PDB file of N, CA and C in Angstrom:
ATOM      1  N   MET A   1       7.556  12.644  -5.506  1.00  0.00           N
ATOM      2  CA  MET A   1       6.160  12.730  -5.102  1.00  0.00           C
ATOM      3  C   MET A   1       6.024  12.136  -3.702  1.00  0.00           C
ATOM      4  N   GLY A   2       6.854  12.569  -2.798  1.00  0.00           N
ATOM      5  CA  GLY A   2       6.829  12.016  -1.455  1.00  0.00           C
ATOM      6  C   GLY A   2       6.006  12.847  -0.501  1.00  0.00           C
ATOM      7  N   MET A   3       5.667  12.241   0.601  1.00  0.00           N
ATOM      8  CA  MET A   3       4.945  12.931   1.658  1.00  0.00           C
ATOM      9  C   MET A   3       5.912  13.123   2.813  1.00  0.00           C
ATOM     10  N   TYR A   4       5.876  14.292   3.433  1.00  0.00           N
ATOM     11  CA  TYR A   4       6.746  14.566   4.552  1.00  0.00           C
ATOM     12  C   TYR A   4       5.902  14.615   5.821  1.00  0.00           C
ATOM     13  N   PHE A   5       6.309  13.847   6.805  1.00  0.00           N
ATOM     14  CA  PHE A   5       5.544  13.721   8.035  1.00  0.00           C
ATOM     15  C   PHE A   5       6.335  14.310   9.186  1.00  0.00           C
ATOM     16  N   TRP A   6       5.647  14.932  10.100  1.00  0.00           N
ATOM     17  CA  TRP A   6       6.274  15.549  11.250  1.00  0.00           C
ATOM     18  C   TRP A   6       5.682  14.962  12.522  1.00  0.00           C
ATOM     19  N   GLY A   7       6.450  15.026  13.573  1.00  0.00           N
ATOM     20  CA  GLY A   7       5.944  14.636  14.872  1.00  0.00           C
ATOM     21  C   GLY A   7       5.742  13.148  15.030  1.00  0.00           C
ATOM     22  N   SER A   8       4.717  12.801  15.809  1.00  0.00           N
ATOM     23  CA  SER A   8       4.493  11.404  16.190  1.00  0.00           C
ATOM     24  C   SER A   8       4.110  10.532  15.002  1.00  0.00           C
ATOM     25  N   LEU A   9       3.406  11.081  14.019  1.00  0.00           N
ATOM     26  CA  LEU A   9       3.042  10.283  12.840  1.00  0.00           C
ATOM     27  C   LEU A   9       4.293   9.869  12.079  1.00  0.00           C
ATOM     28  N   ARG A  10       5.218  10.783  11.915  1.00  0.00           N
ATOM     29  CA  ARG A  10       6.470  10.455  11.230  1.00  0.00           C
ATOM     30  C   ARG A  10       7.219   9.360  11.979  1.00  0.00           C
ATOM     31  N   GLN A  11       7.289   9.468  13.294  1.00  0.00           N
ATOM     32  CA  GLN A  11       7.977   8.456  14.091  1.00  0.00           C
ATOM     33  C   GLN A  11       7.284   7.098  14.002  1.00  0.00           C
ATOM     34  N   GLU A  12       5.951   7.111  14.009  1.00  0.00           N
ATOM     35  CA  GLU A  12       5.191   5.862  13.884  1.00  0.00           C
ATOM     36  C   GLU A  12       5.493   5.181  12.552  1.00  0.00           C
ATOM     37  N   LEU A  13       5.501   5.952  11.477  1.00  0.00           N
ATOM     38  CA  LEU A  13       5.773   5.378  10.156  1.00  0.00           C
ATOM     39  C   LEU A  13       7.227   4.929  10.034  1.00  0.00           C
ATOM     40  N   LEU A  14       8.150   5.702  10.576  1.00  0.00           N
ATOM     41  CA  LEU A  14       9.557   5.294  10.541  1.00  0.00           C
ATOM     42  C   LEU A  14       9.779   3.980  11.272  1.00  0.00           C
ATOM     43  N   SER A  15       9.102   3.781  12.400  1.00  0.00           N
ATOM     44  CA  SER A  15       9.284   2.537  13.144  1.00  0.00           C
ATOM     45  C   SER A  15       8.605   1.362  12.440  1.00  0.00           C
ATOM     46  N   GLN A  16       7.453   1.588  11.827  1.00  0.00           N
ATOM     47  CA  GLN A  16       6.757   0.491  11.144  1.00  0.00           C
ATOM     48  C   GLN A  16       7.445   0.113   9.837  1.00  0.00           C
ATOM     49  N   PHE A  17       8.000   1.091   9.135  1.00  0.00           N
ATOM     50  CA  PHE A  17       8.636   0.846   7.835  1.00  0.00           C
ATOM     51  C   PHE A  17      10.145   1.038   7.930  1.00  0.00           C
ATOM     52  N   ASP A  18      10.744   0.470   8.970  1.00  0.00           N
ATOM     53  CA  ASP A  18      12.172   0.634   9.206  1.00  0.00           C
ATOM     54  C   ASP A  18      13.048  -0.042   8.154  1.00  0.00           C
ATOM     55  N   TYR A  19      12.469  -0.886   7.318  1.00  0.00           N
ATOM     56  CA  TYR A  19      13.217  -1.544   6.262  1.00  0.00           C
ATOM     57  C   TYR A  19      13.443  -0.626   5.059  1.00  0.00           C
ATOM     58  N   LEU A  20      12.746   0.516   4.991  1.00  0.00           N
ATOM     59  CA  LEU A  20      12.923   1.462   3.899  1.00  0.00           C
ATOM     60  C   LEU A  20      14.120   2.366   4.185  1.00  0.00           C
ATOM     61  N   SER A  21      14.913   2.633   3.155  1.00  0.00           N
ATOM     62  CA  SER A  21      15.996   3.604   3.317  1.00  0.00           C
ATOM     63  C   SER A  21      15.368   4.993   3.461  1.00  0.00           C
ATOM     64  N   VAL A  22      16.159   5.960   3.862  1.00  0.00           N
ATOM     65  CA  VAL A  22      15.646   7.325   4.032  1.00  0.00           C
ATOM     66  C   VAL A  22      15.090   7.848   2.712  1.00  0.00           C
ATOM     67  N   ASP A  23      15.823   7.639   1.614  1.00  0.00           N
ATOM     68  CA  ASP A  23      15.350   8.099   0.306  1.00  0.00           C
ATOM     69  C   ASP A  23      14.057   7.406  -0.105  1.00  0.00           C
ATOM     70  N   ASP A  24      13.982   6.086   0.122  1.00  0.00           N
ATOM     71  CA  ASP A  24      12.752   5.351  -0.207  1.00  0.00           C
ATOM     72  C   ASP A  24      11.587   5.824   0.646  1.00  0.00           C
ATOM     73  N   PHE A  25      11.849   6.071   1.929  1.00  0.00           N
ATOM     74  CA  PHE A  25      10.798   6.540   2.824  1.00  0.00           C
ATOM     75  C   PHE A  25      10.236   7.875   2.352  1.00  0.00           C
ATOM     76  N   LEU A  26      11.118   8.785   1.951  1.00  0.00           N
ATOM     77  CA  LEU A  26      10.680  10.115   1.532  1.00  0.00           C
ATOM     78  C   LEU A  26       9.974  10.109   0.186  1.00  0.00           C
ATOM     79  N   SER A  27      10.208   9.075  -0.636  1.00  0.00           N
ATOM     80  CA  SER A  27       9.573   9.030  -1.952  1.00  0.00           C
ATOM     81  C   SER A  27       8.377   8.085  -1.999  1.00  0.00           C
ATOM     82  N   THR A  28       8.053   7.444  -0.887  1.00  0.00           N
ATOM     83  CA  THR A  28       6.941   6.491  -0.844  1.00  0.00           C
ATOM     84  C   THR A  28       5.670   7.167  -0.380  1.00  0.00           C
ATOM     85  N   GLU A  29       4.554   6.743  -0.958  1.00  0.00           N
ATOM     86  CA  GLU A  29       3.251   7.215  -0.513  1.00  0.00           C
ATOM     87  C   GLU A  29       2.683   6.210   0.480  1.00  0.00           C
ATOM     88  N   PHE A  30       2.026   6.700   1.515  1.00  0.00           N
ATOM     89  CA  PHE A  30       1.423   5.873   2.552  1.00  0.00           C
ATOM     90  C   PHE A  30      -0.066   6.175   2.627  1.00  0.00           C
ATOM     91  N   PHE A  31      -0.822   5.173   3.029  1.00  0.00           N
ATOM     92  CA  PHE A  31      -2.233   5.397   3.332  1.00  0.00           C
ATOM     93  C   PHE A  31      -2.632   4.486   4.481  1.00  0.00           C
ATOM     94  N   LYS A  32      -3.677   4.878   5.172  1.00  0.00           N
ATOM     95  CA  LYS A  32      -4.157   4.111   6.317  1.00  0.00           C
ATOM     96  C   LYS A  32      -5.485   3.472   5.954  1.00  0.00           C
ATOM     97  N   TYR A  33      -5.604   2.180   6.243  1.00  0.00           N
ATOM     98  CA  TYR A  33      -6.819   1.426   5.948  1.00  0.00           C
ATOM     99  C   TYR A  33      -7.114   0.515   7.130  1.00  0.00           C
ATOM    100  N   LYS A  34      -8.286   0.663   7.692  1.00  0.00           N
ATOM    101  CA  LYS A  34      -8.723  -0.134   8.846  1.00  0.00           C
ATOM    102  C   LYS A  34      -7.712  -0.094   9.986  1.00  0.00           C
ATOM    103  N   GLY A  35      -7.169   1.099  10.252  1.00  0.00           N
ATOM    104  CA  GLY A  35      -6.267   1.286  11.376  1.00  0.00           C
ATOM    105  C   GLY A  35      -4.827   0.861  11.154  1.00  0.00           C
ATOM    106  N   TYR A  36      -4.489   0.456   9.936  1.00  0.00           N
ATOM    107  CA  TYR A  36      -3.138  -0.013   9.652  1.00  0.00           C
ATOM    108  C   TYR A  36      -2.554   0.802   8.507  1.00  0.00           C
ATOM    109  N   TRP A  37      -1.285   1.207   8.604  1.00  0.00           N
ATOM    110  CA  TRP A  37      -0.615   1.962   7.567  1.00  0.00           C
ATOM    111  C   TRP A  37      -0.042   1.030   6.510  1.00  0.00           C
ATOM    112  N   TYR A  38      -0.151   1.425   5.258  1.00  0.00           N
ATOM    113  CA  TYR A  38       0.399   0.683   4.131  1.00  0.00           C
ATOM    114  C   TYR A  38       1.297   1.591   3.318  1.00  0.00           C
ATOM    115  N   ALA A  39       2.384   1.035   2.801  1.00  0.00           N
ATOM    116  CA  ALA A  39       3.259   1.736   1.864  1.00  0.00           C
ATOM    117  C   ALA A  39       2.912   1.241   0.466  1.00  0.00           C
ATOM    118  N   VAL A  40       2.712   2.159  -0.447  1.00  0.00           N
ATOM    119  CA  VAL A  40       2.333   1.779  -1.809  1.00  0.00           C
ATOM    120  C   VAL A  40       3.395   0.887  -2.436  1.00  0.00           C
ATOM    121  N   THR A  41       4.653   1.075  -2.071  1.00  0.00           N
ATOM    122  CA  THR A  41       5.734   0.264  -2.640  1.00  0.00           C
ATOM    123  C   THR A  41       5.663  -1.207  -2.235  1.00  0.00           C
ATOM    124  N   ASP A  42       4.890  -1.541  -1.206  1.00  0.00           N
ATOM    125  CA  ASP A  42       4.752  -2.934  -0.779  1.00  0.00           C
ATOM    126  C   ASP A  42       3.738  -3.706  -1.614  1.00  0.00           C
ATOM    127  N   PHE A  43       2.959  -3.015  -2.432  1.00  0.00           N
ATOM    128  CA  PHE A  43       1.927  -3.670  -3.223  1.00  0.00           C
ATOM    129  C   PHE A  43       2.514  -4.268  -4.488  1.00  0.00           C
ATOM    130  N   ILE A  44       2.006  -5.439  -4.864  1.00  0.00           N
ATOM    131  CA  ILE A  44       2.429  -6.133  -6.070  1.00  0.00           C
ATOM    132  C   ILE A  44       1.451  -5.761  -7.174  1.00  0.00           C
ATOM    133  N   ARG A  45       1.966  -5.398  -8.315  1.00  0.00           N
ATOM    134  CA  ARG A  45       1.125  -4.983  -9.435  1.00  0.00           C
ATOM    135  C   ARG A  45       0.327  -6.171  -9.976  1.00  0.00           C
ATOM    136  N   VAL A  46      -0.949  -5.949 -10.218  1.00  0.00           N
ATOM    137  CA  VAL A  46      -1.819  -6.982 -10.799  1.00  0.00           C
ATOM    138  C   VAL A  46      -1.651  -6.915 -12.309  1.00  0.00           C
ATOM    139  N   ILE A  47      -1.160  -8.008 -12.906  1.00  0.00           N
ATOM    140  CA  ILE A  47      -0.981  -7.998 -14.350  1.00  0.00           C
ATOM    141  C   ILE A  47      -1.768  -9.099 -15.049  1.00  0.00           C
ATOM    142  N   ALA A  48      -1.631 -10.322 -14.672  1.00  0.00           N
ATOM    143  CA  ALA A  48      -2.292 -11.400 -15.414  1.00  0.00           C
ATOM    144  C   ALA A  48      -2.429 -12.620 -14.523  1.00  0.00           C
ATOM    145  N   ALA A  49      -2.592 -13.767 -15.190  1.00  0.00           N
ATOM    146  CA  ALA A  49      -2.744 -15.026 -14.479  1.00  0.00           C
ATOM    147  C   ALA A  49      -1.600 -15.174 -13.492  1.00  0.00           C
ATOM    148  N   PRO A  50      -1.802 -15.704 -12.349  1.00  0.00           N
ATOM    149  CA  PRO A  50      -2.997 -16.367 -11.815  1.00  0.00           C
ATOM    150  C   PRO A  50      -3.906 -15.446 -11.003  1.00  0.00           C
ATOM    151  N   HIS A  51      -3.919 -14.169 -11.298  1.00  0.00           N
ATOM    152  CA  HIS A  51      -4.665 -13.219 -10.472  1.00  0.00           C
ATOM    153  C   HIS A  51      -5.860 -12.610 -11.209  1.00  0.00           C
ATOM    154  N   GLU A  52      -6.562 -13.398 -12.012  1.00  0.00           N
ATOM    155  CA  GLU A  52      -7.713 -12.871 -12.737  1.00  0.00           C
ATOM    156  C   GLU A  52      -8.782 -12.329 -11.800  1.00  0.00           C
ATOM    157  N   HIS A  53      -8.901 -12.915 -10.608  1.00  0.00           N
ATOM    158  CA  HIS A  53      -9.913 -12.453  -9.657  1.00  0.00           C
ATOM    159  C   HIS A  53      -9.607 -11.058  -9.122  1.00  0.00           C
ATOM    160  N   LEU A  54      -8.404 -10.541  -9.378  1.00  0.00           N
ATOM    161  CA  LEU A  54      -8.037  -9.194  -8.941  1.00  0.00           C
ATOM    162  C   LEU A  54      -8.043  -8.196 -10.102  1.00  0.00           C
ATOM    163  N   TYR A  55      -8.547  -8.622 -11.258  1.00  0.00           N
ATOM    164  CA  TYR A  55      -8.584  -7.743 -12.427  1.00  0.00           C
ATOM    165  C   TYR A  55      -9.364  -6.467 -12.102  1.00  0.00           C
ATOM    166  N   GLY A  56      -8.828  -5.333 -12.499  1.00  0.00           N
ATOM    167  CA  GLY A  56      -9.460  -4.052 -12.219  1.00  0.00           C
ATOM    168  C   GLY A  56      -8.791  -3.305 -11.078  1.00  0.00           C
ATOM    169  N   TRP A  57      -7.976  -3.996 -10.291  1.00  0.00           N
ATOM    170  CA  TRP A  57      -7.220  -3.367  -9.216  1.00  0.00           C
ATOM    171  C   TRP A  57      -5.800  -3.142  -9.702  1.00  0.00           C
ATOM    172  N   ASP A  58      -5.136  -2.131  -9.148  1.00  0.00           N
ATOM    173  CA  ASP A  58      -3.766  -1.823  -9.561  1.00  0.00           C
ATOM    174  C   ASP A  58      -2.725  -2.635  -8.811  1.00  0.00           C
ATOM    175  N   GLY A  59      -3.003  -3.013  -7.561  1.00  0.00           N
ATOM    176  CA  GLY A  59      -2.028  -3.760  -6.792  1.00  0.00           C
ATOM    177  C   GLY A  59      -2.662  -4.494  -5.629  1.00  0.00           C
ATOM    178  N   TYR A  60      -1.908  -5.437  -5.072  1.00  0.00           N
ATOM    179  CA  TYR A  60      -2.387  -6.208  -3.920  1.00  0.00           C
ATOM    180  C   TYR A  60      -1.222  -6.527  -3.002  1.00  0.00           C
ATOM    181  N   VAL A  61      -1.560  -6.766  -1.753  1.00  0.00           N
ATOM    182  CA  VAL A  61      -0.599  -7.270  -0.775  1.00  0.00           C
ATOM    183  C   VAL A  61      -1.336  -8.343   0.018  1.00  0.00           C
ATOM    184  N   SER A  62      -0.728  -9.507   0.133  1.00  0.00           N
ATOM    185  CA  SER A  62      -1.365 -10.629   0.826  1.00  0.00           C
ATOM    186  C   SER A  62      -1.143 -10.540   2.323  1.00  0.00           C
ATOM    187  N   ASP A  63      -2.158 -10.950   3.095  1.00  0.00           N
ATOM    188  CA  ASP A  63      -1.974 -11.078   4.542  1.00  0.00           C
ATOM    189  C   ASP A  63      -2.157 -12.526   4.981  1.00  0.00           C
ATOM    190  N   SER A  64      -2.558 -13.387   4.050  1.00  0.00           N
ATOM    191  CA  SER A  64      -2.585 -14.832   4.256  1.00  0.00           C
ATOM    192  C   SER A  64      -2.543 -15.477   2.876  1.00  0.00           C
ATOM    193  N   TYR A  65      -2.587 -16.791   2.833  1.00  0.00           N
ATOM    194  CA  TYR A  65      -2.562 -17.487   1.543  1.00  0.00           C
ATOM    195  C   TYR A  65      -3.807 -17.175   0.720  1.00  0.00           C
ATOM    196  N   PHE A  66      -4.925 -16.902   1.385  1.00  0.00           N
ATOM    197  CA  PHE A  66      -6.198 -16.726   0.709  1.00  0.00           C
ATOM    198  C   PHE A  66      -6.744 -15.305   0.718  1.00  0.00           C
ATOM    199  N   SER A  67      -6.107 -14.364   1.394  1.00  0.00           N
ATOM    200  CA  SER A  67      -6.713 -13.034   1.519  1.00  0.00           C
ATOM    201  C   SER A  67      -5.653 -11.938   1.564  1.00  0.00           C
ATOM    202  N   GLY A  68      -6.122 -10.706   1.378  1.00  0.00           N
ATOM    203  CA  GLY A  68      -5.221  -9.573   1.427  1.00  0.00           C
ATOM    204  C   GLY A  68      -5.948  -8.283   1.148  1.00  0.00           C
ATOM    205  N   VAL A  69      -5.167  -7.263   0.812  1.00  0.00           N
ATOM    206  CA  VAL A  69      -5.678  -5.918   0.562  1.00  0.00           C
ATOM    207  C   VAL A  69      -5.381  -5.566  -0.888  1.00  0.00           C
ATOM    208  N   VAL A  70      -6.348  -4.928  -1.544  1.00  0.00           N
ATOM    209  CA  VAL A  70      -6.177  -4.453  -2.916  1.00  0.00           C
ATOM    210  C   VAL A  70      -6.295  -2.937  -2.936  1.00  0.00           C
ATOM    211  N   MET A  71      -5.661  -2.310  -3.931  1.00  0.00           N
ATOM    212  CA  MET A  71      -5.736  -0.852  -4.040  1.00  0.00           C
ATOM    213  C   MET A  71      -5.808  -0.455  -5.506  1.00  0.00           C
ATOM    214  N   LYS A  72      -6.452   0.681  -5.732  1.00  0.00           N
ATOM    215  CA  LYS A  72      -6.571   1.245  -7.073  1.00  0.00           C
ATOM    216  C   LYS A  72      -6.329   2.744  -6.987  1.00  0.00           C
ATOM    217  N   TYR A  73      -5.445   3.245  -7.842  1.00  0.00           N
ATOM    218  CA  TYR A  73      -5.186   4.678  -7.919  1.00  0.00           C
ATOM    219  C   TYR A  73      -6.330   5.383  -8.626  1.00  0.00           C
ATOM    220  N   CYS A  74      -6.675   6.560  -8.150  1.00  0.00           N
ATOM    221  CA  CYS A  74      -7.655   7.416  -8.815  1.00  0.00           C
ATOM    222  C   CYS A  74      -6.915   8.596  -9.432  1.00  0.00           C
ATOM    223  N   TYR A  75      -7.535   9.207 -10.420  1.00  0.00           N
ATOM    224  CA  TYR A  75      -6.888  10.315 -11.119  1.00  0.00           C
ATOM    225  C   TYR A  75      -6.676  11.534 -10.228  1.00  0.00           C
ATOM    226  N   ASP A  76      -7.426  11.654  -9.135  1.00  0.00           N
ATOM    227  CA  ASP A  76      -7.282  12.817  -8.258  1.00  0.00           C
ATOM    228  C   ASP A  76      -6.236  12.613  -7.163  1.00  0.00           C
ATOM    229  N   GLY A  77      -5.468  11.530  -7.219  1.00  0.00           N
ATOM    230  CA  GLY A  77      -4.421  11.278  -6.253  1.00  0.00           C
ATOM    231  C   GLY A  77      -4.850  10.460  -5.044  1.00  0.00           C
ATOM    232  N   THR A  78      -6.115  10.098  -4.970  1.00  0.00           N
ATOM    233  CA  THR A  78      -6.593   9.257  -3.875  1.00  0.00           C
ATOM    234  C   THR A  78      -6.497   7.792  -4.278  1.00  0.00           C
ATOM    235  N   VAL A  79      -6.713   6.902  -3.319  1.00  0.00           N
ATOM    236  CA  VAL A  79      -6.727   5.474  -3.605  1.00  0.00           C
ATOM    237  C   VAL A  79      -8.038   4.871  -3.106  1.00  0.00           C
ATOM    238  N   ILE A  80      -8.475   3.853  -3.818  1.00  0.00           N
ATOM    239  CA  ILE A  80      -9.602   3.046  -3.368  1.00  0.00           C
ATOM    240  C   ILE A  80      -8.999   1.753  -2.836  1.00  0.00           C
ATOM    241  N   VAL A  81      -9.400   1.364  -1.652  1.00  0.00           N
ATOM    242  CA  VAL A  81      -8.812   0.209  -0.983  1.00  0.00           C
ATOM    243  C   VAL A  81      -9.907  -0.775  -0.629  1.00  0.00           C
ATOM    244  N   GLY A  82      -9.609  -2.067  -0.729  1.00  0.00           N
ATOM    245  CA  GLY A  82     -10.570  -3.099  -0.357  1.00  0.00           C
ATOM    246  C   GLY A  82      -9.857  -4.355   0.064  1.00  0.00           C
ATOM    247  N   ARG A  83     -10.619  -5.375   0.359  1.00  0.00           N
ATOM    248  CA  ARG A  83     -10.084  -6.677   0.766  1.00  0.00           C
ATOM    249  C   ARG A  83     -10.474  -7.714  -0.268  1.00  0.00           C
ATOM    250  N   TYR A  84      -9.681  -8.744  -0.386  1.00  0.00           N
ATOM    251  CA  TYR A  84     -10.028  -9.866  -1.258  1.00  0.00           C
ATOM    252  C   TYR A  84      -9.885 -11.172  -0.510  1.00  0.00           C
ATOM    253  N   CYS A  85     -10.665 -12.130  -0.893  1.00  0.00           N
ATOM    254  CA  CYS A  85     -10.583 -13.505  -0.374  1.00  0.00           C
ATOM    255  C   CYS A  85     -10.726 -14.451  -1.549  1.00  0.00           C
ATOM    256  N   SER A  86      -9.878 -15.447  -1.617  1.00  0.00           N
ATOM    257  CA  SER A  86      -9.934 -16.404  -2.716  1.00  0.00           C
ATOM    258  C   SER A  86     -10.706 -17.627  -2.319  1.00  0.00           C
TER     259      SER A  86
END
């Protein structure tokens, strides 16, 4: 279920996510939020304590000790993205 990118967008993503192998890159989904690209594989799944404040979201990625980005998959293949602060 990968996305294939051509041209400058592909090069931009390859340079930003250079830690991904070619196979991982081709099988990863990406989305852009507030001008920044995110790889779904970088998100940590929300399961239980100590993350009760993130209940209802599918995953999160921290950008500081107190804040980060949350995401939720929708049935139509889109994602809902937001920010959290503790």
